Amino acid sequence: MDTEISQTTKINIASDANNDARKNLPTAAEIKNWLVSYLANLVEVNPDEIDITVPFDSYDLDSSAAVELSGELEDWLGINVSPTLLYDYPTVKTLAQYLSEGN
């Protein structure tokens, strides 16, 4: 019985921490700026050359780049970010909006 309570407690604590992180998420504009800076650095262009309405795959991001980007976003935002989100929300604009809404 103690093991069951312990496991439930751990799950609740992890869930509460994730919910707290979501409450303090950056705005869509802040996430957009972070993504633009990250992409510009990755593809070695000026941030002004990143079009937030162009799909990520236009910048030749492969699956390993998507995993790395999602990991960096996780570290910055403090929430879980699946690499598949780059395919579900394929532009800087749509991904930033989605993440800022605490999804």
C-alpha atoms as a PDB file:
ATOM      1  CA  MET A   1       0.000   0.000   0.000  1.00  0.00           C
ATOM      2  CA  ASP A   2       2.810   2.428   0.874  1.00  0.00           C
ATOM      3  CA  THR A   3       4.342   1.877  -2.560  1.00  0.00           C
ATOM      4  CA  GLU A   4       1.082   2.830  -4.267  1.00  0.00           C
ATOM      5  CA  ILE A   5       0.787   6.013  -2.246  1.00  0.00           C
ATOM      6  CA  SER A   6       4.405   6.847  -2.916  1.00  0.00           C
ATOM      7  CA  GLN A   7       3.985   6.404  -6.687  1.00  0.00           C
ATOM      8  CA  THR A   8       0.810   8.518  -6.683  1.00  0.00           C
ATOM      9  CA  THR A   9       2.538  11.216  -4.670  1.00  0.00           C
ATOM     10  CA  LYS A  10       5.458  11.279  -7.119  1.00  0.00           C
ATOM     11  CA  ILE A  11       3.082  11.612 -10.061  1.00  0.00           C
ATOM     12  CA  ASN A  12       1.179  14.444  -8.388  1.00  0.00           C
ATOM     13  CA  ILE A  13       4.374  16.296  -7.517  1.00  0.00           C
ATOM     14  CA  ALA A  14       5.640  16.013 -11.100  1.00  0.00           C
ATOM     15  CA  SER A  15       2.264  17.143 -12.421  1.00  0.00           C
ATOM     16  CA  ASP A  16       2.176  20.126 -10.046  1.00  0.00           C
ATOM     17  CA  ALA A  17       5.695  21.180 -11.086  1.00  0.00           C
ATOM     18  CA  ASN A  18       4.766  20.986 -14.761  1.00  0.00           C
ATOM     19  CA  ASN A  19       1.594  23.015 -14.127  1.00  0.00           C
ATOM     20  CA  ASP A  20       3.591  25.669 -12.253  1.00  0.00           C
ATOM     21  CA  ALA A  21       6.028  25.937 -15.176  1.00  0.00           C
ATOM     22  CA  ARG A  22       3.145  26.381 -17.597  1.00  0.00           C
ATOM     23  CA  LYS A  23       1.790  29.305 -15.561  1.00  0.00           C
ATOM     24  CA  ASN A  24       5.077  31.171 -16.026  1.00  0.00           C
ATOM     25  CA  LEU A  25       5.564  30.589 -19.747  1.00  0.00           C
ATOM     26  CA  PRO A  26       6.980  33.343 -21.919  1.00  0.00           C
ATOM     27  CA  THR A  27       4.689  35.167 -24.329  1.00  0.00           C
ATOM     28  CA  ALA A  28       4.278  34.094 -27.947  1.00  0.00           C
ATOM     29  CA  ALA A  29       6.514  37.028 -28.963  1.00  0.00           C
ATOM     30  CA  GLU A  30       9.262  35.941 -26.559  1.00  0.00           C
ATOM     31  CA  ILE A  31       9.104  32.341 -27.781  1.00  0.00           C
ATOM     32  CA  LYS A  32       9.088  33.572 -31.388  1.00  0.00           C
ATOM     33  CA  ASN A  33      12.213  35.645 -30.746  1.00  0.00           C
ATOM     34  CA  TRP A  34      13.934  32.683 -29.098  1.00  0.00           C
ATOM     35  CA  LEU A  35      13.038  30.398 -32.021  1.00  0.00           C
ATOM     36  CA  VAL A  36      14.198  32.949 -34.600  1.00  0.00           C
ATOM     37  CA  SER A  37      17.509  33.397 -32.806  1.00  0.00           C
ATOM     38  CA  TYR A  38      17.963  29.635 -32.452  1.00  0.00           C
ATOM     39  CA  LEU A  39      17.179  28.938 -36.117  1.00  0.00           C
ATOM     40  CA  ALA A  40      19.358  31.803 -37.355  1.00  0.00           C
ATOM     41  CA  ASN A  41      22.280  30.463 -35.355  1.00  0.00           C
ATOM     42  CA  LEU A  42      21.633  26.904 -36.512  1.00  0.00           C
ATOM     43  CA  VAL A  43      21.479  27.723 -40.233  1.00  0.00           C
ATOM     44  CA  GLU A  44      24.050  30.521 -39.951  1.00  0.00           C
ATOM     45  CA  VAL A  45      21.954  33.413 -41.244  1.00  0.00           C
ATOM     46  CA  ASN A  46      20.953  36.806 -39.904  1.00  0.00           C
ATOM     47  CA  PRO A  47      17.814  36.593 -37.718  1.00  0.00           C
ATOM     48  CA  ASP A  48      16.143  39.026 -40.134  1.00  0.00           C
ATOM     49  CA  GLU A  49      16.344  36.295 -42.771  1.00  0.00           C
ATOM     50  CA  ILE A  50      14.141  33.902 -40.778  1.00  0.00           C
ATOM     51  CA  ASP A  51      10.533  34.065 -41.978  1.00  0.00           C
ATOM     52  CA  ILE A  52       8.235  33.034 -39.123  1.00  0.00           C
ATOM     53  CA  THR A  53       5.583  31.835 -41.582  1.00  0.00           C
ATOM     54  CA  VAL A  54       7.881  29.466 -43.481  1.00  0.00           C
ATOM     55  CA  PRO A  55       7.846  25.783 -42.402  1.00  0.00           C
ATOM     56  CA  PHE A  56      10.807  24.524 -40.392  1.00  0.00           C
ATOM     57  CA  ASP A  57      11.632  21.970 -43.091  1.00  0.00           C
ATOM     58  CA  SER A  58      12.371  24.869 -45.464  1.00  0.00           C
ATOM     59  CA  TYR A  59      15.432  25.475 -43.312  1.00  0.00           C
ATOM     60  CA  ASP A  60      16.562  21.870 -43.913  1.00  0.00           C
ATOM     61  CA  LEU A  61      15.996  20.750 -40.332  1.00  0.00           C
ATOM     62  CA  ASP A  62      16.271  16.994 -40.089  1.00  0.00           C
ATOM     63  CA  SER A  63      14.853  14.836 -37.317  1.00  0.00           C
ATOM     64  CA  SER A  64      17.984  15.138 -35.182  1.00  0.00           C
ATOM     65  CA  ALA A  65      17.777  18.943 -35.406  1.00  0.00           C
ATOM     66  CA  ALA A  66      14.115  18.732 -34.373  1.00  0.00           C
ATOM     67  CA  VAL A  67      15.049  16.632 -31.337  1.00  0.00           C
ATOM     68  CA  GLU A  68      17.827  19.056 -30.401  1.00  0.00           C
ATOM     69  CA  LEU A  69      15.544  22.076 -30.821  1.00  0.00           C
ATOM     70  CA  SER A  70      12.790  20.515 -28.725  1.00  0.00           C
ATOM     71  CA  GLY A  71      15.335  19.676 -26.026  1.00  0.00           C
ATOM     72  CA  GLU A  72      16.620  23.249 -25.948  1.00  0.00           C
ATOM     73  CA  LEU A  73      13.018  24.502 -25.737  1.00  0.00           C
ATOM     74  CA  GLU A  74      12.343  22.105 -22.856  1.00  0.00           C
ATOM     75  CA  ASP A  75      15.341  23.448 -20.983  1.00  0.00           C
ATOM     76  CA  TRP A  76      14.332  27.056 -21.554  1.00  0.00           C
ATOM     77  CA  LEU A  77      10.588  26.691 -20.926  1.00  0.00           C
ATOM     78  CA  GLY A  78      10.779  24.061 -18.189  1.00  0.00           C
ATOM     79  CA  ILE A  79       8.072  21.921 -19.786  1.00  0.00           C
ATOM     80  CA  ASN A  80       8.022  18.805 -21.936  1.00  0.00           C
ATOM     81  CA  VAL A  81       8.315  19.624 -25.638  1.00  0.00           C
ATOM     82  CA  SER A  82       7.916  16.710 -28.023  1.00  0.00           C
ATOM     83  CA  PRO A  83      10.021  16.823 -31.207  1.00  0.00           C
ATOM     84  CA  THR A  84       6.849  16.012 -33.146  1.00  0.00           C
ATOM     85  CA  LEU A  85       5.473  19.466 -32.285  1.00  0.00           C
ATOM     86  CA  LEU A  86       7.662  20.874 -35.050  1.00  0.00           C
ATOM     87  CA  TYR A  87       5.611  18.815 -37.474  1.00  0.00           C
ATOM     88  CA  ASP A  88       2.265  19.561 -35.816  1.00  0.00           C
ATOM     89  CA  TYR A  89       3.061  23.300 -35.636  1.00  0.00           C
ATOM     90  CA  PRO A  90       5.448  23.643 -38.574  1.00  0.00           C
ATOM     91  CA  THR A  91       6.317  27.342 -38.406  1.00  0.00           C
ATOM     92  CA  VAL A  92       7.913  29.610 -35.829  1.00  0.00           C
ATOM     93  CA  LYS A  93       4.645  31.537 -35.612  1.00  0.00           C
ATOM     94  CA  THR A  94       2.370  28.543 -35.012  1.00  0.00           C
ATOM     95  CA  LEU A  95       4.751  26.788 -32.609  1.00  0.00           C
ATOM     96  CA  ALA A  96       5.311  29.942 -30.565  1.00  0.00           C
ATOM     97  CA  GLN A  97       1.581  30.545 -30.283  1.00  0.00           C
ATOM     98  CA  TYR A  98       0.888  26.951 -29.282  1.00  0.00           C
ATOM     99  CA  LEU A  99       3.606  26.889 -26.620  1.00  0.00           C
ATOM    100  CA  SER A 100       2.640  30.266 -25.161  1.00  0.00           C
ATOM    101  CA  GLU A 101      -0.877  28.973 -24.549  1.00  0.00           C
ATOM    102  CA  GLY A 102       0.541  26.408 -22.123  1.00  0.00           C
ATOM    103  CA  ASN A 103      -0.197  23.371 -24.243  1.00  0.00           C
END
